[in-house]
Amino acid sequence: WIGNDEAHYIRKQEDRDVNDMKSF
């Protein structure tokens, strides 16, 4: 989900970022 936001204009997971994705 977070990774998909990195490729799109509008973010769906606004309270999450790359650091969360790396942790997951």
PDB file of all heavy atoms in Angstrom:
ATOM      1  N   TRP A   1       0.838  -1.205   0.000  1.00  0.00           N
ATOM      2  CA  TRP A   1       0.000   0.000   0.000  1.00  0.00           C
ATOM      3  C   TRP A   1       0.873   1.256   0.000  1.00  0.00           C
ATOM      4  O   TRP A   1       0.636   2.176  -0.791  1.00  0.00           O
ATOM      5  CB  TRP A   1      -0.900   0.020   1.240  1.00  0.00           C
ATOM      6  CG  TRP A   1      -2.016  -0.976   1.240  1.00  0.00           C
ATOM      7  CD1 TRP A   1      -2.397  -1.793   0.214  1.00  0.00           C
ATOM      8  CD2 TRP A   1      -2.893  -1.264   2.334  1.00  0.00           C
ATOM      9  NE1 TRP A   1      -3.449  -2.576   0.604  1.00  0.00           N
ATOM     10  CE2 TRP A   1      -3.785  -2.269   1.890  1.00  0.00           C
ATOM     11  CE3 TRP A   1      -3.032  -0.781   3.633  1.00  0.00           C
ATOM     12  CZ2 TRP A   1      -4.791  -2.790   2.725  1.00  0.00           C
ATOM     13  CZ3 TRP A   1      -4.017  -1.295   4.456  1.00  0.00           C
ATOM     14  CH2 TRP A   1      -4.884  -2.288   4.005  1.00  0.00           C
ATOM     15  N   ILE A   2       1.850   1.274   0.897  1.00  0.00           N
ATOM     16  CA  ILE A   2       2.731   2.445   0.969  1.00  0.00           C
ATOM     17  C   ILE A   2       3.545   2.562  -0.308  1.00  0.00           C
ATOM     18  O   ILE A   2       3.731   3.657  -0.851  1.00  0.00           O
ATOM     19  CB  ILE A   2       3.654   2.354   2.195  1.00  0.00           C
ATOM     20  CG1 ILE A   2       2.838   2.264   3.482  1.00  0.00           C
ATOM     21  CG2 ILE A   2       4.585   3.568   2.250  1.00  0.00           C
ATOM     22  CD1 ILE A   2       3.674   1.951   4.719  1.00  0.00           C
ATOM     23  N   GLY A   3       4.036   1.436  -0.811  1.00  0.00           N
ATOM     24  CA  GLY A   3       4.811   1.453  -2.042  1.00  0.00           C
ATOM     25  C   GLY A   3       4.032   1.965  -3.229  1.00  0.00           C
ATOM     26  O   GLY A   3       4.565   2.692  -4.076  1.00  0.00           O
ATOM     27  N   ASN A   4       2.765   1.614  -3.292  1.00  0.00           N
ATOM     28  CA  ASN A   4       1.922   2.118  -4.383  1.00  0.00           C
ATOM     29  C   ASN A   4       1.767   3.626  -4.305  1.00  0.00           C
ATOM     30  O   ASN A   4       1.726   4.314  -5.338  1.00  0.00           O
ATOM     31  CB  ASN A   4       0.547   1.445  -4.337  1.00  0.00           C
ATOM     32  CG  ASN A   4       0.614  -0.034  -4.689  1.00  0.00           C
ATOM     33  OD1 ASN A   4       1.570  -0.486  -5.313  1.00  0.00           O
ATOM     34  ND2 ASN A   4      -0.380  -0.797  -4.272  1.00  0.00           N
ATOM     35  N   ASP A   5       1.696   4.156  -3.088  1.00  0.00           N
ATOM     36  CA  ASP A   5       1.609   5.613  -2.923  1.00  0.00           C
ATOM     37  C   ASP A   5       2.841   6.311  -3.487  1.00  0.00           C
ATOM     38  O   ASP A   5       2.764   7.457  -3.952  1.00  0.00           O
ATOM     39  CB  ASP A   5       1.462   5.976  -1.444  1.00  0.00           C
ATOM     40  CG  ASP A   5       0.019   5.879  -0.965  1.00  0.00           C
ATOM     41  OD1 ASP A   5      -0.884   5.675  -1.806  1.00  0.00           O
ATOM     42  OD2 ASP A   5      -0.201   6.002   0.257  1.00  0.00           O
ATOM     43  N   GLU A   6       3.990   5.642  -3.411  1.00  0.00           N
ATOM     44  CA  GLU A   6       5.223   6.236  -3.914  1.00  0.00           C
ATOM     45  C   GLU A   6       5.200   6.421  -5.430  1.00  0.00           C
ATOM     46  O   GLU A   6       5.996   7.177  -5.980  1.00  0.00           O
ATOM     47  CB  GLU A   6       6.426   5.374  -3.522  1.00  0.00           C
ATOM     48  CG  GLU A   6       6.680   5.305  -2.026  1.00  0.00           C
ATOM     49  CD  GLU A   6       6.982   6.655  -1.418  1.00  0.00           C
ATOM     50  OE1 GLU A   6       7.805   7.390  -1.995  1.00  0.00           O
ATOM     51  OE2 GLU A   6       6.381   6.995  -0.383  1.00  0.00           O
ATOM     52  N   ALA A   7       4.294   5.716  -6.110  1.00  0.00           N
ATOM     53  CA  ALA A   7       4.230   5.786  -7.571  1.00  0.00           C
ATOM     54  C   ALA A   7       3.075   6.641  -8.072  1.00  0.00           C
ATOM     55  O   ALA A   7       2.956   6.860  -9.282  1.00  0.00           O
ATOM     56  CB  ALA A   7       4.114   4.376  -8.157  1.00  0.00           C
ATOM     57  N   HIS A   8       2.231   7.127  -7.150  1.00  0.00           N
ATOM     58  CA  HIS A   8       1.018   7.830  -7.569  1.00  0.00           C
ATOM     59  C   HIS A   8       1.023   9.291  -7.128  1.00  0.00           C
ATOM     60  O   HIS A   8       1.700   9.657  -6.163  1.00  0.00           O
ATOM     61  CB  HIS A   8      -0.220   7.116  -7.015  1.00  0.00           C
ATOM     62  CG  HIS A   8      -0.378   5.718  -7.542  1.00  0.00           C
ATOM     63  ND1 HIS A   8      -0.805   4.669  -6.760  1.00  0.00           N
ATOM     64  CD2 HIS A   8      -0.134   5.196  -8.766  1.00  0.00           C
ATOM     65  CE1 HIS A   8      -0.832   3.560  -7.484  1.00  0.00           C
ATOM     66  NE2 HIS A   8      -0.429   3.860  -8.699  1.00  0.00           N
ATOM     67  N   TYR A   9       0.241  10.081  -7.830  1.00  0.00           N
ATOM     68  CA  TYR A   9       0.165  11.525  -7.563  1.00  0.00           C
ATOM     69  C   TYR A   9      -0.481  11.789  -6.204  1.00  0.00           C
ATOM     70  O   TYR A   9      -0.029  12.644  -5.440  1.00  0.00           O
ATOM     71  CB  TYR A   9      -0.641  12.188  -8.673  1.00  0.00           C
ATOM     72  CG  TYR A   9      -0.522  13.699  -8.702  1.00  0.00           C
ATOM     73  CD1 TYR A   9       0.460  14.319  -9.472  1.00  0.00           C
ATOM     74  CD2 TYR A   9      -1.379  14.497  -7.958  1.00  0.00           C
ATOM     75  CE1 TYR A   9       0.585  15.692  -9.497  1.00  0.00           C
ATOM     76  CE2 TYR A   9      -1.263  15.874  -7.971  1.00  0.00           C
ATOM     77  CZ  TYR A   9      -0.284  16.473  -8.748  1.00  0.00           C
ATOM     78  OH  TYR A   9      -0.159  17.833  -8.766  1.00  0.00           O
ATOM     79  N   ILE A  10      -1.558  11.080  -5.909  1.00  0.00           N
ATOM     80  CA  ILE A  10      -2.289  11.273  -4.660  1.00  0.00           C
ATOM     81  C   ILE A  10      -1.984  10.107  -3.726  1.00  0.00           C
ATOM     82  O   ILE A  10      -2.105   8.941  -4.109  1.00  0.00           O
ATOM     83  CB  ILE A  10      -3.805  11.372  -4.908  1.00  0.00           C
ATOM     84  CG1 ILE A  10      -4.112  12.593  -5.774  1.00  0.00           C
ATOM     85  CG2 ILE A  10      -4.563  11.449  -3.581  1.00  0.00           C
ATOM     86  CD1 ILE A  10      -5.574  12.719  -6.151  1.00  0.00           C
ATOM     87  N   ARG A  11      -1.614  10.422  -2.502  1.00  0.00           N
ATOM     88  CA  ARG A  11      -1.323   9.393  -1.512  1.00  0.00           C
ATOM     89  C   ARG A  11      -2.603   8.985  -0.798  1.00  0.00           C
ATOM     90  O   ARG A  11      -3.416   9.831  -0.415  1.00  0.00           O
ATOM     91  CB  ARG A  11      -0.307   9.887  -0.480  1.00  0.00           C
ATOM     92  CG  ARG A  11       1.035  10.292  -1.045  1.00  0.00           C
ATOM     93  CD  ARG A  11       2.006  10.636   0.071  1.00  0.00           C
ATOM     94  NE  ARG A  11       2.380   9.455   0.836  1.00  0.00           N
ATOM     95  CZ  ARG A  11       3.408   8.671   0.526  1.00  0.00           C
ATOM     96  NH1 ARG A  11       4.173   8.955  -0.517  1.00  0.00           N
ATOM     97  NH2 ARG A  11       3.701   7.630   1.256  1.00  0.00           N
ATOM     98  N   LYS A  12      -2.767   7.680  -0.594  1.00  0.00           N
ATOM     99  CA  LYS A  12      -3.898   7.172   0.179  1.00  0.00           C
ATOM    100  C   LYS A  12      -3.522   6.992   1.645  1.00  0.00           C
ATOM    101  O   LYS A  12      -4.353   7.183   2.528  1.00  0.00           O
ATOM    102  CB  LYS A  12      -4.372   5.843  -0.413  1.00  0.00           C
ATOM    103  CG  LYS A  12      -4.969   5.963  -1.803  1.00  0.00           C
ATOM    104  CD  LYS A  12      -5.464   4.618  -2.307  1.00  0.00           C
ATOM    105  CE  LYS A  12      -6.085   4.734  -3.694  1.00  0.00           C
ATOM    106  NZ  LYS A  12      -6.564   3.422  -4.200  1.00  0.00           N
ATOM    107  N   GLN A  13      -2.277   6.607   1.876  1.00  0.00           N
ATOM    108  CA  GLN A  13      -1.795   6.400   3.251  1.00  0.00           C
ATOM    109  C   GLN A  13      -1.014   7.633   3.696  1.00  0.00           C
ATOM    110  O   GLN A  13       0.211   7.624   3.781  1.00  0.00           O
ATOM    111  CB  GLN A  13      -0.930   5.141   3.319  1.00  0.00           C
ATOM    112  CG  GLN A  13      -1.553   3.892   2.735  1.00  0.00           C
ATOM    113  CD  GLN A  13      -2.792   3.461   3.472  1.00  0.00           C
ATOM    114  OE1 GLN A  13      -2.875   3.606   4.696  1.00  0.00           O
ATOM    115  NE2 GLN A  13      -3.769   2.920   2.757  1.00  0.00           N
ATOM    116  N   GLU A  14      -1.727   8.712   3.974  1.00  0.00           N
ATOM    117  CA  GLU A  14      -1.071   9.985   4.237  1.00  0.00           C
ATOM    118  C   GLU A  14      -0.275   9.995   5.541  1.00  0.00           C
ATOM    119  O   GLU A  14       0.629  10.813   5.710  1.00  0.00           O
ATOM    120  CB  GLU A  14      -2.110  11.104   4.250  1.00  0.00           C
ATOM    121  CG  GLU A  14      -2.773  11.334   2.892  1.00  0.00           C
ATOM    122  CD  GLU A  14      -3.745  12.490   2.917  1.00  0.00           C
ATOM    123  OE1 GLU A  14      -3.980  13.035   4.018  1.00  0.00           O
ATOM    124  OE2 GLU A  14      -4.262  12.843   1.852  1.00  0.00           O
ATOM    125  N   ASP A  15      -0.627   9.106   6.468  1.00  0.00           N
ATOM    126  CA  ASP A  15       0.075   9.070   7.751  1.00  0.00           C
ATOM    127  C   ASP A  15       1.229   8.081   7.764  1.00  0.00           C
ATOM    128  O   ASP A  15       1.822   7.814   8.809  1.00  0.00           O
ATOM    129  CB  ASP A  15      -0.906   8.736   8.877  1.00  0.00           C
ATOM    130  CG  ASP A  15      -1.573   7.380   8.681  1.00  0.00           C
ATOM    131  OD1 ASP A  15      -1.678   6.935   7.522  1.00  0.00           O
ATOM    132  OD2 ASP A  15      -1.998   6.772   9.683  1.00  0.00           O
ATOM    133  N   ARG A  16       1.557   7.523   6.595  1.00  0.00           N
ATOM    134  CA  ARG A  16       2.649   6.560   6.499  1.00  0.00           C
ATOM    135  C   ARG A  16       3.637   7.002   5.424  1.00  0.00           C
ATOM    136  O   ARG A  16       3.269   7.707   4.485  1.00  0.00           O
ATOM    137  CB  ARG A  16       2.120   5.160   6.152  1.00  0.00           C
ATOM    138  CG  ARG A  16       1.137   4.615   7.183  1.00  0.00           C
ATOM    139  CD  ARG A  16       1.840   4.248   8.483  1.00  0.00           C
ATOM    140  NE  ARG A  16       0.922   3.619   9.422  1.00  0.00           N
ATOM    141  CZ  ARG A  16       1.308   2.990  10.523  1.00  0.00           C
ATOM    142  NH1 ARG A  16       2.597   2.902  10.816  1.00  0.00           N
ATOM    143  NH2 ARG A  16       0.423   2.449  11.332  1.00  0.00           N
ATOM    144  N   ASP A  17       4.901   6.550   5.558  1.00  0.00           N
ATOM    145  CA  ASP A  17       5.903   6.954   4.582  1.00  0.00           C
ATOM    146  C   ASP A  17       6.895   5.822   4.336  1.00  0.00           C
ATOM    147  O   ASP A  17       6.684   4.679   4.761  1.00  0.00           O
ATOM    148  CB  ASP A  17       6.621   8.228   5.027  1.00  0.00           C
ATOM    149  CG  ASP A  17       7.318   8.082   6.378  1.00  0.00           C
ATOM    150  OD1 ASP A  17       7.590   6.931   6.807  1.00  0.00           O
ATOM    151  OD2 ASP A  17       7.624   9.110   7.008  1.00  0.00           O
ATOM    152  N   VAL A  18       7.979   6.149   3.664  1.00  0.00           N
ATOM    153  CA  VAL A  18       8.971   5.147   3.288  1.00  0.00           C
ATOM    154  C   VAL A  18       9.579   4.473   4.517  1.00  0.00           C
ATOM    155  O   VAL A  18       9.879   3.276   4.485  1.00  0.00           O
ATOM    156  CB  VAL A  18      10.080   5.789   2.423  1.00  0.00           C
ATOM    157  CG1 VAL A  18      11.265   4.856   2.264  1.00  0.00           C
ATOM    158  CG2 VAL A  18       9.530   6.161   1.050  1.00  0.00           C
ATOM    159  N   ASN A  19       9.749   5.207   5.600  1.00  0.00           N
ATOM    160  CA  ASN A  19      10.316   4.600   6.805  1.00  0.00           C
ATOM    161  C   ASN A  19       9.437   3.475   7.334  1.00  0.00           C
ATOM    162  O   ASN A  19       9.943   2.450   7.801  1.00  0.00           O
ATOM    163  CB  ASN A  19      10.525   5.666   7.890  1.00  0.00           C
ATOM    164  CG  ASN A  19      11.670   6.602   7.570  1.00  0.00           C
ATOM    165  OD1 ASN A  19      12.669   6.191   6.982  1.00  0.00           O
ATOM    166  ND2 ASN A  19      11.532   7.867   7.929  1.00  0.00           N
ATOM    167  N   ASP A  20       8.111   3.673   7.258  1.00  0.00           N
ATOM    168  CA  ASP A  20       7.197   2.606   7.665  1.00  0.00           C
ATOM    169  C   ASP A  20       7.341   1.407   6.734  1.00  0.00           C
ATOM    170  O   ASP A  20       7.377   0.257   7.190  1.00  0.00           O
ATOM    171  CB  ASP A  20       5.749   3.115   7.648  1.00  0.00           C
ATOM    172  CG  ASP A  20       5.497   4.181   8.684  1.00  0.00           C
ATOM    173  OD1 ASP A  20       5.652   3.890   9.886  1.00  0.00           O
ATOM    174  OD2 ASP A  20       5.156   5.310   8.302  1.00  0.00           O
ATOM    175  N   MET A  21       7.423   1.671   5.432  1.00  0.00           N
ATOM    176  CA  MET A  21       7.558   0.577   4.479  1.00  0.00           C
ATOM    177  C   MET A  21       8.840  -0.206   4.734  1.00  0.00           C
ATOM    178  O   MET A  21       8.836  -1.448   4.703  1.00  0.00           O
ATOM    179  CB  MET A  21       7.527   1.109   3.042  1.00  0.00           C
ATOM    180  CG  MET A  21       7.682   0.019   1.993  1.00  0.00           C
ATOM    181  SD  MET A  21       7.247   0.519   0.305  1.00  0.00           S
ATOM    182  CE  MET A  21       8.359   1.875   0.044  1.00  0.00           C
ATOM    183  N   LYS A  22       9.936   0.485   4.995  1.00  0.00           N
ATOM    184  CA  LYS A  22      11.192  -0.198   5.281  1.00  0.00           C
ATOM    185  C   LYS A  22      11.072  -1.068   6.532  1.00  0.00           C
ATOM    186  O   LYS A  22      11.575  -2.200   6.563  1.00  0.00           O
ATOM    187  CB  LYS A  22      12.318   0.815   5.453  1.00  0.00           C
ATOM    188  CG  LYS A  22      12.760   1.472   4.170  1.00  0.00           C
ATOM    189  CD  LYS A  22      13.596   2.703   4.412  1.00  0.00           C
ATOM    190  CE  LYS A  22      14.858   2.425   5.171  1.00  0.00           C
ATOM    191  NZ  LYS A  22      15.647   3.661   5.411  1.00  0.00           N
ATOM    192  N   SER A  23      10.408  -0.554   7.554  1.00  0.00           N
ATOM    193  CA  SER A  23      10.221  -1.339   8.784  1.00  0.00           C
ATOM    194  C   SER A  23       9.396  -2.589   8.512  1.00  0.00           C
ATOM    195  O   SER A  23       9.707  -3.683   9.010  1.00  0.00           O
ATOM    196  CB  SER A  23       9.526  -0.488   9.858  1.00  0.00           C
ATOM    197  OG  SER A  23      10.331   0.599  10.251  1.00  0.00           O
ATOM    198  N   PHE A  24       8.340  -2.432   7.705  1.00  0.00           N
ATOM    199  CA  PHE A  24       7.484  -3.574   7.384  1.00  0.00           C
ATOM    200  C   PHE A  24       8.248  -4.605   6.549  1.00  0.00           C
ATOM    201  O   PHE A  24       8.088  -5.812   6.745  1.00  0.00           O
ATOM    202  CB  PHE A  24       6.237  -3.116   6.638  1.00  0.00           C
ATOM    203  CG  PHE A  24       5.308  -2.228   7.432  1.00  0.00           C
ATOM    204  CD1 PHE A  24       4.319  -1.491   6.792  1.00  0.00           C
ATOM    205  CD2 PHE A  24       5.435  -2.106   8.802  1.00  0.00           C
ATOM    206  CE1 PHE A  24       3.463  -0.675   7.508  1.00  0.00           C
ATOM    207  CE2 PHE A  24       4.591  -1.281   9.539  1.00  0.00           C
ATOM    208  CZ  PHE A  24       3.605  -0.564   8.888  1.00  0.00           C
TER     209      PHE A  24
END
